[in-house]
Amino acid sequence: MAASSSSATPQLKNYDVFLSFRGEDTRYNFTRHLYVALCRKKIETFMDDQLIRGNEISSSLLNTIKASKISVIIFSQNYASSSWCLQELEQIIDCMKTKQQIVLPIFYKVDASHVRRQKESFGKGFAELQDRFKEQPEMLQRWENALNEAANQSGWPIDGKTSEPELIDEISGVILKRLNKLSPSDYKGLVGVEFSVNKIESLLHKGSNGVFKIGIWGIGGIGRTTIARVVYNKILSQFERFYFADNVREQSEKNGITHLKKELLSTILDDRDPNIGLTYTRERLKKQKVLIIFDDVTFSQQIEDLIENLNLLSSESQIIITTRDKQVLRNCDVDDACMYKVEGLREEEAHQLFNQHAFKQNPPIAYYMELSKKAVEYSKGVPLALKVLGSNLFSKEKEFWESVINKLEKGPPSNVLNILRVSYDGLEKDEKEIFLDITCFFDGEDRDLVIEILNACDLYAKQGIEVLIDKCLVLVTCNRITMHDLLQEMGKKIAQDDDCKDIRLWHHMDILKVCRNYKGCEAVRSINLDISKISNASLIFHVLSKMDNLRFFRLYNSEYRFNNPFLRRI
């Protein structure tokens, strides 16, 4: 029995760019160079290297064309002699008409008018094809029409005097800009960021001597990273290289700066093993027009550790730094005129964001209006607080809302952590356990590994994590569990409370203190320790070997954490 279509047909991959070309003409020169240039810009590009061509084009290839955003047609001398190429072309033109697909022709050593009218050397190949398919005049006519329409699109001519490397740079840059315009609105699902983004973009045009720096600062949860990400996505096509250094503070504290530094330099230099200490490496940096976002910086030294000196970059480069502390921007020599403070959302925007999470697509019912107003008031326009509180109240009865609002009224309304704590308090026991374990031990870890470990501790981790996601307490990106630093701050505070039954330890000094007092270890359930931070690791191993109440402990060395985690489950 044949396999069902659902199991036999692989899922179709969506591409940014589809390359249509005649293999024998350009596969190993122009087309290959263009493909490499696009891939370097992280543009998903389809080039049919592996296909064995016959007369009939495969349905999967036609579907690949349909699923692509842009089709680039490289017309060369023998392009029209291939029925396969013309079937691709026919599909591309159909997608241009029905799906508004962008079509960009390149005339590789042929004249656009010859393609349009099938004349001269280009026409000879098509004449041979006409003889082969003379019994199918309707198909030939469709191909003629497709050639005519494609040749009428704006494109690039290439002749013997053209600098192909320079043209490939131009073409790849144009494609990147077109893809940026095609992407969904940067503001989709976001509330209140457009004003801030426009203000920051206006700062980009100020003149400067040397590398230009902009600072974005504000309290935790206010949306600094979100705004920086939107600006980054909007302007990256203006730069030769670009890099977004996420969570500099957290990565510095957890894993050291070495890994992030290598990743940054590898990306902007396109070099697997960069050495910034070399004169030649510095010269290469000086020639690059680079955009770098340093996100959540707490000390100027962190940036120095990553790239030593920002003045190593080209004067056309742009640096954006986000931080909670304005003094950090001053220490990084950001001009006062180029600092932007992110304020809380305005009342209307705050209500809009809260309603998105508290009511989803439905408008609030009348008797929830007053309660919603109070919830928004206590959130003080902080997006993270509005999202977490709204998600916690979604689909709950009025009595639950009233209980939550009453709890907020008892604490200082300006304390965002109190608002976030409400969502934690609303969790079931196992869900609280999972949240605190992620907070103390597993932020940034692979989701499947976390589920495996917590399941071994008799927790229903998969279901619990889904609850945390729904309540905006954690995120899963590329299968890694992450959380906002404010939520982690709150979770660690809860984990350190005296009345916390299951004690979790992660700071090496706390672990050392407990291990020196064996009786203190009786309350310890979980340990997460970077053994590179202590000199007497033998004491830790000795005490752990005697403890029989550990749920799990994790020992690692930050320098090798990415490839040498060691975990023991009890």
Protein backbone atom coordinates (compact mmCIF):
# COMPACT_ATOMS: atom_id res chain seq x y z
CA MET A 1 0.00 0.00 0.00
CA ALA A 2 1.33 3.43 -0.93
CA ALA A 3 2.14 5.83 1.88
CA SER A 4 -0.38 8.57 2.51
CA SER A 5 0.33 11.94 0.99
CA SER A 6 0.72 13.52 4.42
CA SER A 7 3.50 11.15 5.37
CA ALA A 8 5.14 10.81 1.96
CA THR A 9 5.33 14.49 1.07
CA PRO A 10 7.95 16.50 2.95
CA GLN A 11 6.90 19.88 4.26
CA LEU A 12 7.61 22.61 1.73
CA LYS A 13 10.28 25.08 2.76
CA ASN A 14 9.62 28.75 2.12
CA TYR A 15 12.43 30.67 0.45
CA ASP A 16 13.09 34.38 0.22
CA VAL A 17 14.57 34.13 -3.28
CA PHE A 18 14.20 31.65 -6.12
CA LEU A 19 16.98 31.67 -8.76
CA SER A 20 15.96 30.67 -12.29
CA PHE A 21 18.94 30.14 -14.62
CA ARG A 22 20.41 27.99 -17.39
CA GLY A 23 22.93 25.77 -15.64
CA GLU A 24 25.46 25.33 -18.43
CA ASP A 25 25.72 29.12 -18.89
CA THR A 26 26.02 30.55 -15.37
CA ARG A 27 25.89 27.84 -12.71
CA TYR A 28 29.59 28.02 -11.79
CA ASN A 29 30.17 31.73 -12.28
CA PHE A 30 27.64 34.55 -11.96
CA THR A 31 24.75 32.56 -10.46
CA ARG A 32 26.96 30.81 -7.92
CA HIS A 33 28.52 34.13 -6.85
CA LEU A 34 25.08 35.73 -6.49
CA TYR A 35 23.84 32.76 -4.45
CA VAL A 36 26.81 33.02 -2.05
CA ALA A 37 26.32 36.78 -1.65
CA LEU A 38 22.64 36.31 -0.78
CA CYS A 39 23.40 33.54 1.70
CA ARG A 40 25.97 35.75 3.43
CA LYS A 41 23.19 38.25 4.05
CA LYS A 42 21.17 35.42 5.62
CA ILE A 43 18.69 35.48 2.73
CA GLU A 44 17.14 32.03 2.22
CA THR A 45 17.86 31.32 -1.46
CA PHE A 46 16.87 28.36 -3.63
CA MET A 47 19.38 27.22 -6.24
CA ASP A 48 18.64 23.81 -7.76
CA ASP A 49 22.13 22.36 -7.52
CA GLN A 50 21.02 18.80 -6.99
CA LEU A 51 18.18 18.48 -9.48
CA ILE A 52 18.39 16.15 -12.46
CA ARG A 53 16.62 17.92 -15.28
CA GLY A 54 14.36 16.34 -17.85
CA ASN A 55 11.59 17.72 -20.00
CA GLU A 56 8.97 17.88 -17.25
CA ILE A 57 9.42 20.17 -14.29
CA SER A 58 8.48 18.67 -10.92
CA SER A 59 5.43 19.86 -8.99
CA SER A 60 7.61 20.41 -5.90
CA LEU A 61 9.78 22.88 -7.81
CA LEU A 62 6.70 24.75 -9.04
CA ASN A 63 5.47 24.90 -5.45
CA THR A 64 8.87 26.21 -4.35
CA ILE A 65 8.46 29.08 -6.80
CA LYS A 66 4.98 29.79 -5.43
CA ALA A 67 6.31 29.82 -1.85
CA SER A 68 9.16 32.26 -2.64
CA LYS A 69 8.93 36.00 -2.11
CA ILE A 70 11.20 37.08 -4.97
CA SER A 71 12.17 35.35 -8.20
CA VAL A 72 15.44 36.32 -9.88
CA ILE A 73 15.64 35.28 -13.55
CA ILE A 74 19.11 35.14 -15.05
CA PHE A 75 18.59 35.31 -18.80
CA SER A 76 21.62 33.95 -20.64
CA GLN A 77 22.25 32.90 -24.24
CA ASN A 78 20.86 29.37 -23.89
CA TYR A 79 18.10 30.09 -21.36
CA ALA A 80 15.28 29.81 -23.94
CA SER A 81 16.58 26.48 -25.28
CA SER A 82 15.51 24.79 -22.03
CA SER A 83 11.87 23.77 -21.64
CA TRP A 84 12.56 23.41 -17.92
CA CYS A 85 13.66 27.05 -17.64
CA LEU A 86 10.61 28.21 -19.59
CA GLN A 87 8.26 26.21 -17.38
CA GLU A 88 9.89 27.89 -14.38
CA LEU A 89 9.48 31.24 -16.09
CA GLU A 90 5.82 30.61 -16.85
CA GLN A 91 5.18 29.80 -13.18
CA ILE A 92 7.13 32.88 -12.07
CA ILE A 93 5.08 35.21 -14.27
CA ASP A 94 1.87 33.59 -13.06
CA CYS A 95 2.97 34.23 -9.44
CA MET A 96 3.82 37.81 -10.33
CA LYS A 97 0.24 38.33 -11.58
CA THR A 98 -1.68 36.34 -8.98
CA LYS A 99 0.49 36.62 -5.85
CA GLN A 100 2.27 39.94 -6.51
CA GLN A 101 5.58 38.11 -6.36
CA ILE A 102 8.55 40.39 -7.12
CA VAL A 103 10.35 39.47 -10.36
CA LEU A 104 13.88 40.74 -10.98
CA PRO A 105 15.46 39.90 -14.37
CA ILE A 106 19.20 39.91 -15.03
CA PHE A 107 20.31 39.98 -18.66
CA TYR A 108 23.59 38.09 -18.65
CA LYS A 109 25.39 39.00 -21.88
CA VAL A 110 22.10 39.16 -23.78
CA ASP A 111 20.02 42.19 -24.73
CA ALA A 112 16.64 42.68 -23.09
CA SER A 113 15.05 43.40 -26.47
CA HIS A 114 16.36 40.05 -27.80
CA VAL A 115 14.73 38.28 -24.87
CA ARG A 116 11.51 40.19 -25.44
CA ARG A 117 11.33 39.33 -29.15
CA GLN A 118 13.37 36.09 -29.10
CA LYS A 119 15.96 37.51 -31.55
CA GLU A 120 19.68 37.07 -32.29
CA SER A 121 21.61 34.41 -30.35
CA PHE A 122 18.95 34.24 -27.62
CA GLY A 123 16.32 33.57 -30.28
CA LYS A 124 18.27 30.66 -31.78
CA GLY A 125 17.76 28.55 -28.70
CA PHE A 126 14.06 29.30 -28.66
CA ALA A 127 13.79 28.43 -32.37
CA GLU A 128 15.24 24.99 -31.63
CA LEU A 129 12.68 24.55 -28.89
CA GLN A 130 9.88 25.53 -31.23
CA ASP A 131 10.84 22.68 -33.56
CA ARG A 132 10.71 20.19 -30.65
CA PHE A 133 7.33 21.38 -29.39
CA LYS A 134 5.67 22.35 -32.69
CA GLU A 135 2.75 20.08 -31.83
CA GLN A 136 2.02 22.23 -28.76
CA PRO A 137 1.52 25.73 -30.15
CA GLU A 138 -0.49 26.94 -27.13
CA MET A 139 2.37 26.15 -24.76
CA LEU A 140 4.88 27.85 -27.05
CA GLN A 141 2.68 30.94 -27.09
CA ARG A 142 2.54 30.98 -23.28
CA TRP A 143 6.34 30.81 -23.17
CA GLU A 144 6.67 33.66 -25.67
CA ASN A 145 4.30 35.77 -23.56
CA ALA A 146 6.26 34.94 -20.40
CA LEU A 147 9.57 35.96 -22.02
CA ASN A 148 8.02 39.19 -23.20
CA GLU A 149 6.56 40.08 -19.81
CA ALA A 150 9.70 39.18 -17.88
CA ALA A 151 11.91 41.23 -20.19
CA ASN A 152 9.67 44.24 -19.60
CA GLN A 153 10.46 44.21 -15.87
CA SER A 154 13.16 46.52 -14.55
CA GLY A 155 16.43 44.62 -14.17
CA TRP A 156 20.19 44.64 -14.68
CA PRO A 157 22.17 44.23 -17.91
CA ILE A 158 25.57 42.53 -17.80
CA ASP A 159 28.05 42.86 -20.62
CA GLY A 160 31.81 42.52 -21.02
CA LYS A 161 32.38 45.91 -19.35
CA THR A 162 30.35 45.16 -16.21
CA SER A 163 32.09 44.62 -12.86
CA GLU A 164 30.25 41.52 -11.73
CA PRO A 165 31.32 41.66 -8.04
CA GLU A 166 30.09 45.26 -7.73
CA LEU A 167 26.84 44.42 -9.50
CA ILE A 168 26.26 41.39 -7.27
CA ASP A 169 26.70 43.63 -4.20
CA GLU A 170 24.14 46.04 -5.67
CA ILE A 171 21.66 43.28 -6.55
CA SER A 172 21.91 41.58 -3.15
CA GLY A 173 21.44 44.96 -1.44
CA VAL A 174 18.33 45.72 -3.50
CA ILE A 175 16.90 42.27 -2.74
CA LEU A 176 17.47 42.76 1.00
CA LYS A 177 15.67 46.12 0.91
CA ARG A 178 12.75 44.63 -1.02
CA LEU A 179 12.49 41.78 1.48
CA ASN A 180 12.47 44.23 4.38
CA LYS A 181 9.56 46.07 2.77
CA LEU A 182 7.75 42.76 2.20
CA SER A 183 8.09 41.64 5.81
CA PRO A 184 5.10 42.06 8.12
CA SER A 185 4.81 45.41 9.82
CA ASP A 186 7.43 45.87 12.50
CA TYR A 187 4.62 47.09 14.72
CA LYS A 188 2.36 44.06 14.27
CA GLY A 189 1.16 43.00 17.71
CA LEU A 190 3.20 45.79 19.31
CA VAL A 191 1.63 48.77 21.00
CA GLY A 192 3.15 52.19 21.56
CA VAL A 193 6.50 51.57 19.87
CA GLU A 194 6.01 53.62 16.71
CA PHE A 195 6.57 56.98 18.42
CA SER A 196 9.80 55.78 20.07
CA VAL A 197 11.05 54.17 16.87
CA ASN A 198 10.49 57.40 14.92
CA LYS A 199 12.32 59.42 17.58
CA ILE A 200 15.32 57.10 17.48
CA GLU A 201 15.36 57.11 13.68
CA SER A 202 15.47 60.91 13.77
CA LEU A 203 18.64 60.65 15.89
CA LEU A 204 20.29 58.48 13.23
CA HIS A 205 20.61 61.46 10.92
CA LYS A 206 22.61 63.62 13.32
CA GLY A 207 26.18 64.22 12.27
CA SER A 208 29.08 62.85 14.29
CA ASN A 209 32.81 62.42 14.34
CA GLY A 210 33.77 58.77 14.25
CA VAL A 211 31.43 55.90 15.05
CA PHE A 212 27.93 57.18 15.78
CA LYS A 213 26.34 55.95 19.02
CA ILE A 214 22.75 56.11 20.25
CA GLY A 215 21.61 55.16 23.75
CA ILE A 216 18.19 53.81 24.73
CA TRP A 217 17.54 53.72 28.47
CA GLY A 218 14.66 53.10 30.87
CA ILE A 219 13.46 50.79 33.63
CA GLY A 220 13.20 47.04 33.21
CA GLY A 221 10.14 45.83 31.31
CA ILE A 222 9.59 49.22 29.66
CA GLY A 223 10.35 47.92 26.14
CA ARG A 224 13.94 49.02 25.43
CA THR A 225 14.89 45.75 23.70
CA THR A 226 11.67 45.60 21.67
CA ILE A 227 12.18 49.13 20.37
CA ALA A 228 15.85 48.47 19.58
CA ARG A 229 14.88 45.30 17.69
CA VAL A 230 12.33 47.18 15.57
CA VAL A 231 14.87 49.90 14.71
CA TYR A 232 17.49 47.23 13.93
CA ASN A 233 15.17 45.40 11.53
CA LYS A 234 14.24 48.64 9.78
CA ILE A 235 17.75 49.91 9.12
CA LEU A 236 19.99 46.83 8.83
CA SER A 237 19.75 46.79 5.02
CA GLN A 238 21.73 50.07 5.00
CA PHE A 239 24.79 48.29 6.40
CA GLU A 240 27.31 45.78 5.09
CA ARG A 241 27.31 43.78 8.32
CA PHE A 242 24.98 43.79 11.32
CA TYR A 243 24.69 42.06 14.68
CA PHE A 244 22.25 42.16 17.61
CA ALA A 245 24.05 41.27 20.85
CA ASP A 246 21.15 40.06 23.03
CA ASN A 247 21.23 40.30 26.84
CA VAL A 248 24.86 41.37 27.23
CA ARG A 249 24.48 41.57 31.02
CA GLU A 250 22.99 38.11 31.37
CA GLN A 251 25.41 36.46 28.96
CA SER A 252 28.35 38.12 30.73
CA GLU A 253 27.20 36.89 34.13
CA LYS A 254 26.24 33.36 33.12
CA ASN A 255 28.71 32.36 30.44
CA GLY A 256 31.44 34.97 30.29
CA ILE A 257 31.95 37.30 27.35
CA THR A 258 34.23 35.07 25.24
CA HIS A 259 31.53 33.17 23.35
CA LEU A 260 29.51 36.32 22.57
CA LYS A 261 32.66 38.14 21.43
CA LYS A 262 33.59 35.37 19.02
CA GLU A 263 30.07 35.25 17.62
CA LEU A 264 29.94 39.03 17.13
CA LEU A 265 33.32 39.27 15.41
CA SER A 266 32.70 36.15 13.31
CA THR A 267 29.48 37.69 12.02
CA ILE A 268 30.69 41.16 11.17
CA LEU A 269 34.01 39.95 9.71
CA ASP A 270 32.60 36.79 8.07
CA ASP A 271 35.50 34.94 9.67
CA ARG A 272 35.19 31.70 11.66
CA ASP A 273 38.21 32.41 13.85
CA PRO A 274 38.73 36.19 14.14
CA ASN A 275 41.61 37.64 16.15
CA ILE A 276 41.02 41.28 16.99
CA GLY A 277 44.58 41.56 18.26
CA LEU A 278 45.92 41.35 14.70
CA THR A 279 46.59 44.57 12.84
CA TYR A 280 45.00 43.19 9.68
CA THR A 281 41.80 42.28 11.55
CA ARG A 282 41.57 45.85 12.84
CA GLU A 283 42.08 47.18 9.31
CA ARG A 284 39.22 44.99 8.08
CA LEU A 285 36.96 46.30 10.85
CA LYS A 286 37.81 49.86 9.86
CA LYS A 287 36.58 49.19 6.33
CA GLN A 288 33.22 47.70 7.35
CA LYS A 289 30.02 49.74 7.57
CA VAL A 290 28.55 47.96 10.58
CA LEU A 291 25.39 48.12 12.67
CA ILE A 292 25.66 46.64 16.19
CA ILE A 293 23.06 46.62 18.96
CA PHE A 294 24.46 46.06 22.47
CA ASP A 295 21.37 45.07 24.46
CA ASP A 296 21.06 45.45 28.26
CA VAL A 297 24.53 46.75 29.04
CA THR A 298 25.36 47.37 32.70
CA PHE A 299 29.01 48.47 32.41
CA SER A 300 30.96 50.12 29.61
CA GLN A 301 33.64 47.47 30.20
CA GLN A 302 31.29 44.87 28.70
CA ILE A 303 31.45 46.63 25.33
CA GLU A 304 35.22 47.00 25.60
CA ASP A 305 35.47 43.27 26.32
CA LEU A 306 33.41 42.53 23.20
CA ILE A 307 35.10 44.79 20.66
CA GLU A 308 37.88 46.58 22.61
CA ASN A 309 37.38 50.01 21.07
CA LEU A 310 34.37 51.21 19.09
CA ASN A 311 36.64 53.53 17.14
CA LEU A 312 38.08 50.43 15.46
CA LEU A 313 34.91 50.50 13.35
CA SER A 314 34.29 52.61 10.25
CA SER A 315 33.03 56.16 10.82
CA GLU A 316 29.91 55.11 8.85
CA SER A 317 29.06 52.48 11.46
CA GLN A 318 26.16 52.77 13.89
CA ILE A 319 26.09 51.55 17.49
CA ILE A 320 22.90 51.37 19.59
CA ILE A 321 23.18 50.61 23.32
CA THR A 322 20.25 49.72 25.57
CA THR A 323 20.57 49.95 29.35
CA ARG A 324 18.69 50.60 32.57
CA ASP A 325 21.34 53.09 33.69
CA LYS A 326 21.89 56.42 31.93
CA GLN A 327 25.38 56.64 33.43
CA VAL A 328 26.40 53.63 31.34
CA LEU A 329 25.67 55.66 28.22
CA ARG A 330 27.78 58.55 29.49
CA ASN A 331 30.64 56.14 30.21
CA CYS A 332 30.32 54.87 26.64
CA ASP A 333 30.71 58.47 25.35
CA VAL A 334 27.16 58.71 24.01
CA ASP A 335 26.22 62.37 23.53
CA ASP A 336 23.30 63.60 25.65
CA ALA A 337 21.48 64.61 22.46
CA CYS A 338 21.67 60.98 21.30
CA MET A 339 20.17 59.42 24.43
CA TYR A 340 16.53 58.42 24.37
CA LYS A 341 14.58 57.57 27.51
CA VAL A 342 11.73 55.09 27.01
CA GLU A 343 8.71 56.21 29.00
CA GLY A 344 5.66 54.18 29.99
CA LEU A 345 2.79 53.78 27.55
CA ARG A 346 0.19 56.50 27.36
CA GLU A 347 -3.19 55.66 28.89
CA GLU A 348 -4.89 54.76 25.61
CA GLU A 349 -1.95 52.57 24.52
CA ALA A 350 -1.77 50.91 27.96
CA HIS A 351 -5.47 49.98 27.74
CA GLN A 352 -4.95 48.63 24.23
CA LEU A 353 -2.04 46.39 25.26
CA PHE A 354 -3.78 45.18 28.42
CA ASN A 355 -6.97 44.37 26.51
CA GLN A 356 -4.98 42.41 23.92
CA HIS A 357 -3.90 39.99 26.63
CA ALA A 358 -6.84 40.12 29.03
CA PHE A 359 -9.63 39.79 26.45
CA LYS A 360 -7.79 38.64 23.28
CA GLN A 361 -10.02 39.51 20.31
CA ASN A 362 -13.12 40.29 22.36
CA PRO A 363 -13.95 43.76 23.72
CA PRO A 364 -14.22 43.96 27.53
CA ILE A 365 -17.68 43.41 29.00
CA ALA A 366 -19.13 46.44 30.77
CA TYR A 367 -18.65 45.21 34.35
CA TYR A 368 -14.94 44.54 33.64
CA MET A 369 -14.31 48.10 32.48
CA GLU A 370 -13.70 49.59 35.93
CA LEU A 371 -11.52 46.65 36.98
CA SER A 372 -9.51 46.98 33.75
CA LYS A 373 -9.00 50.66 34.44
CA LYS A 374 -7.58 49.88 37.89
CA ALA A 375 -5.30 47.15 36.51
CA VAL A 376 -3.91 49.52 33.90
CA GLU A 377 -3.44 52.24 36.51
CA TYR A 378 -1.36 49.96 38.74
CA SER A 379 0.78 48.84 35.81
CA LYS A 380 2.06 52.40 35.33
CA GLY A 381 2.33 51.97 31.56
CA VAL A 382 5.03 49.27 31.82
CA PRO A 383 4.43 46.89 28.85
CA LEU A 384 5.76 43.80 30.62
CA ALA A 385 3.47 44.37 33.62
CA LEU A 386 0.46 44.96 31.35
CA LYS A 387 1.13 41.78 29.36
CA VAL A 388 1.73 39.55 32.37
CA LEU A 389 -1.21 40.90 34.37
CA GLY A 390 -3.57 40.79 31.37
CA SER A 391 -2.56 37.19 30.54
CA ASN A 392 -3.11 36.17 34.16
CA LEU A 393 -6.65 37.60 34.14
CA PHE A 394 -7.68 36.22 30.77
CA SER A 395 -10.88 34.12 30.89
CA LYS A 396 -11.12 34.49 34.70
CA GLU A 397 -14.35 35.25 36.58
CA LYS A 398 -15.10 38.66 38.01
CA GLU A 399 -14.38 37.44 41.55
CA PHE A 400 -10.85 36.46 40.54
CA TRP A 401 -10.31 39.90 38.99
CA GLU A 402 -11.50 41.59 42.17
CA SER A 403 -9.18 39.45 44.29
CA VAL A 404 -6.18 40.34 42.12
CA ILE A 405 -6.98 44.07 42.12
CA ASN A 406 -7.46 44.04 45.90
CA LYS A 407 -4.04 42.43 46.31
CA LEU A 408 -2.46 45.13 44.15
CA GLU A 409 -4.14 47.86 46.19
CA LYS A 410 -2.35 46.62 49.33
CA GLY A 411 1.13 47.14 47.85
CA PRO A 412 2.92 50.15 46.37
CA PRO A 413 1.34 50.57 42.90
CA SER A 414 4.64 51.73 41.42
CA ASN A 415 6.36 48.44 42.26
CA VAL A 416 6.25 46.42 39.03
CA LEU A 417 7.48 43.30 40.82
CA ASN A 418 4.30 43.30 42.91
CA ILE A 419 2.25 43.14 39.72
CA LEU A 420 4.36 40.33 38.30
CA ARG A 421 4.09 38.48 41.63
CA VAL A 422 0.30 38.32 41.19
CA SER A 423 0.74 36.01 38.19
CA TYR A 424 3.12 33.78 40.14
CA ASP A 425 0.70 33.56 43.07
CA GLY A 426 -2.02 32.41 40.67
CA LEU A 427 -0.02 29.34 39.59
CA GLU A 428 -0.65 25.81 40.82
CA LYS A 429 1.96 24.24 43.12
CA ASP A 430 3.77 22.28 40.37
CA GLU A 431 3.68 25.30 38.06
CA LYS A 432 5.35 27.40 40.76
CA GLU A 433 8.03 24.73 41.15
CA ILE A 434 8.68 24.72 37.41
CA PHE A 435 8.80 28.52 37.24
CA LEU A 436 11.31 28.77 40.09
CA ASP A 437 13.49 25.98 38.65
CA ILE A 438 13.59 27.74 35.26
CA THR A 439 14.33 31.04 37.01
CA CYS A 440 17.24 29.71 39.03
CA PHE A 441 18.71 27.07 36.73
CA PHE A 442 17.30 26.77 33.24
CA ASP A 443 16.91 30.21 31.68
CA GLY A 444 18.26 29.96 28.13
CA GLU A 445 18.34 26.15 28.14
CA ASP A 446 16.91 23.71 25.60
CA ARG A 447 13.22 23.13 26.24
CA ASP A 448 13.37 19.36 25.71
CA LEU A 449 16.25 19.00 28.18
CA VAL A 450 14.39 21.04 30.80
CA ILE A 451 11.25 18.94 30.36
CA GLU A 452 13.28 15.73 30.70
CA ILE A 453 14.96 16.90 33.92
CA LEU A 454 11.82 18.26 35.56
CA ASN A 455 9.78 15.21 34.57
CA ALA A 456 12.37 13.14 36.43
CA CYS A 457 11.56 15.27 39.49
CA ASP A 458 7.89 14.18 39.29
CA LEU A 459 6.73 17.44 37.73
CA TYR A 460 4.45 17.57 34.69
CA ALA A 461 6.88 19.88 32.93
CA LYS A 462 5.45 20.02 29.41
CA GLN A 463 2.01 21.05 30.60
CA GLY A 464 3.44 23.40 33.22
CA ILE A 465 5.67 25.20 30.72
CA GLU A 466 2.69 25.71 28.41
CA VAL A 467 0.87 27.41 31.31
CA LEU A 468 3.87 29.67 31.93
CA ILE A 469 3.99 30.58 28.24
CA ASP A 470 0.29 31.42 28.23
CA LYS A 471 0.79 33.70 31.24
CA CYS A 472 3.75 35.45 29.55
CA LEU A 473 6.05 34.30 32.36
CA VAL A 474 8.44 32.52 29.96
CA LEU A 475 9.11 32.54 26.23
CA VAL A 476 10.30 29.76 23.96
CA THR A 477 12.53 30.90 21.08
CA CYS A 478 14.31 28.40 18.82
CA ASN A 479 13.30 25.74 21.37
CA ARG A 480 15.13 27.56 24.17
CA ILE A 481 13.29 28.74 27.26
CA THR A 482 13.94 32.37 28.15
CA MET A 483 12.39 34.94 30.48
CA HIS A 484 12.53 38.68 31.00
CA ASP A 485 15.16 39.72 33.52
CA LEU A 486 12.52 41.38 35.73
CA LEU A 487 10.66 38.08 35.98
CA GLN A 488 13.91 36.32 36.80
CA GLU A 489 14.65 38.94 39.45
CA MET A 490 11.23 38.32 40.97
CA GLY A 491 11.64 34.53 40.82
CA LYS A 492 15.02 34.57 42.52
CA LYS A 493 13.65 36.83 45.24
CA ILE A 494 10.85 34.34 45.85
CA ALA A 495 13.36 31.45 45.83
CA GLN A 496 15.41 33.21 48.51
CA ASP A 497 12.48 33.86 50.84
CA ASP A 498 12.75 32.16 54.22
CA ASP A 499 9.36 30.49 53.85
CA CYS A 500 10.31 28.86 50.55
CA LYS A 501 10.07 25.14 51.31
CA ASP A 502 12.33 23.82 48.55
CA ILE A 503 15.58 25.77 48.78
CA ARG A 504 17.42 26.38 45.51
CA LEU A 505 21.03 27.55 45.44
CA TRP A 506 22.86 29.06 42.47
CA HIS A 507 25.33 31.62 43.84
CA HIS A 508 28.70 30.01 44.59
CA MET A 509 29.16 31.86 47.90
CA ASP A 510 25.76 30.71 49.17
CA ILE A 511 26.53 27.13 48.15
CA LEU A 512 29.92 27.27 49.87
CA LYS A 513 28.35 28.67 53.05
CA VAL A 514 25.75 25.89 53.16
CA CYS A 515 28.25 23.15 52.40
CA ARG A 516 30.41 24.24 55.35
CA ASN A 517 27.39 23.59 57.55
CA TYR A 518 26.16 20.09 56.82
CA LYS A 519 22.96 20.67 58.77
CA GLY A 520 22.12 23.55 56.48
CA CYS A 521 22.19 21.15 53.56
CA GLU A 522 19.15 19.30 54.86
CA ALA A 523 16.85 21.94 53.37
CA VAL A 524 18.63 22.18 50.00
CA ARG A 525 16.79 20.56 47.11
CA SER A 526 18.54 21.89 43.99
CA ILE A 527 21.99 23.29 43.16
CA ASN A 528 23.34 25.02 40.06
CA LEU A 529 27.07 25.80 40.35
CA ASP A 530 29.80 27.17 38.11
CA ILE A 531 32.76 25.26 39.57
CA SER A 532 35.24 27.64 37.92
CA LYS A 533 34.24 30.27 40.49
CA ILE A 534 35.39 28.32 43.56
CA SER A 535 38.82 27.10 44.62
CA ASN A 536 37.69 24.28 46.93
CA ALA A 537 35.45 22.27 44.62
CA SER A 538 36.42 19.14 46.55
CA LEU A 539 34.36 20.35 49.52
CA ILE A 540 31.30 20.72 47.27
CA PHE A 541 31.72 17.21 45.84
CA HIS A 542 32.24 15.77 49.32
CA VAL A 543 29.06 17.32 50.72
CA LEU A 544 26.95 16.50 47.67
CA SER A 545 28.00 12.85 47.89
CA LYS A 546 26.53 12.70 51.41
CA MET A 547 23.23 14.40 50.63
CA ASP A 548 20.28 12.16 49.93
CA ASN A 549 17.53 14.77 49.66
CA LEU A 550 18.75 16.52 46.50
CA ARG A 551 16.25 16.67 43.68
CA PHE A 552 19.05 17.48 41.23
CA PHE A 553 22.29 19.37 41.04
CA ARG A 554 24.14 20.81 38.09
CA LEU A 555 27.86 21.50 37.96
CA TYR A 556 29.44 23.26 35.02
CA ASN A 557 32.33 25.43 33.98
CA SER A 558 31.16 28.64 32.27
CA GLU A 559 34.03 28.52 29.79
CA TYR A 560 32.78 25.20 28.42
CA ARG A 561 29.11 25.44 29.29
CA PHE A 562 27.89 25.33 25.71
CA ASN A 563 29.46 21.96 24.97
CA ASN A 564 30.18 20.38 28.35
CA PRO A 565 27.18 20.54 30.65
CA PHE A 566 27.26 17.97 33.49
CA LEU A 567 24.01 17.08 35.15
CA ARG A 568 23.18 14.53 37.80
CA ARG A 569 19.62 13.72 38.72
CA ILE A 570 18.89 12.24 42.14
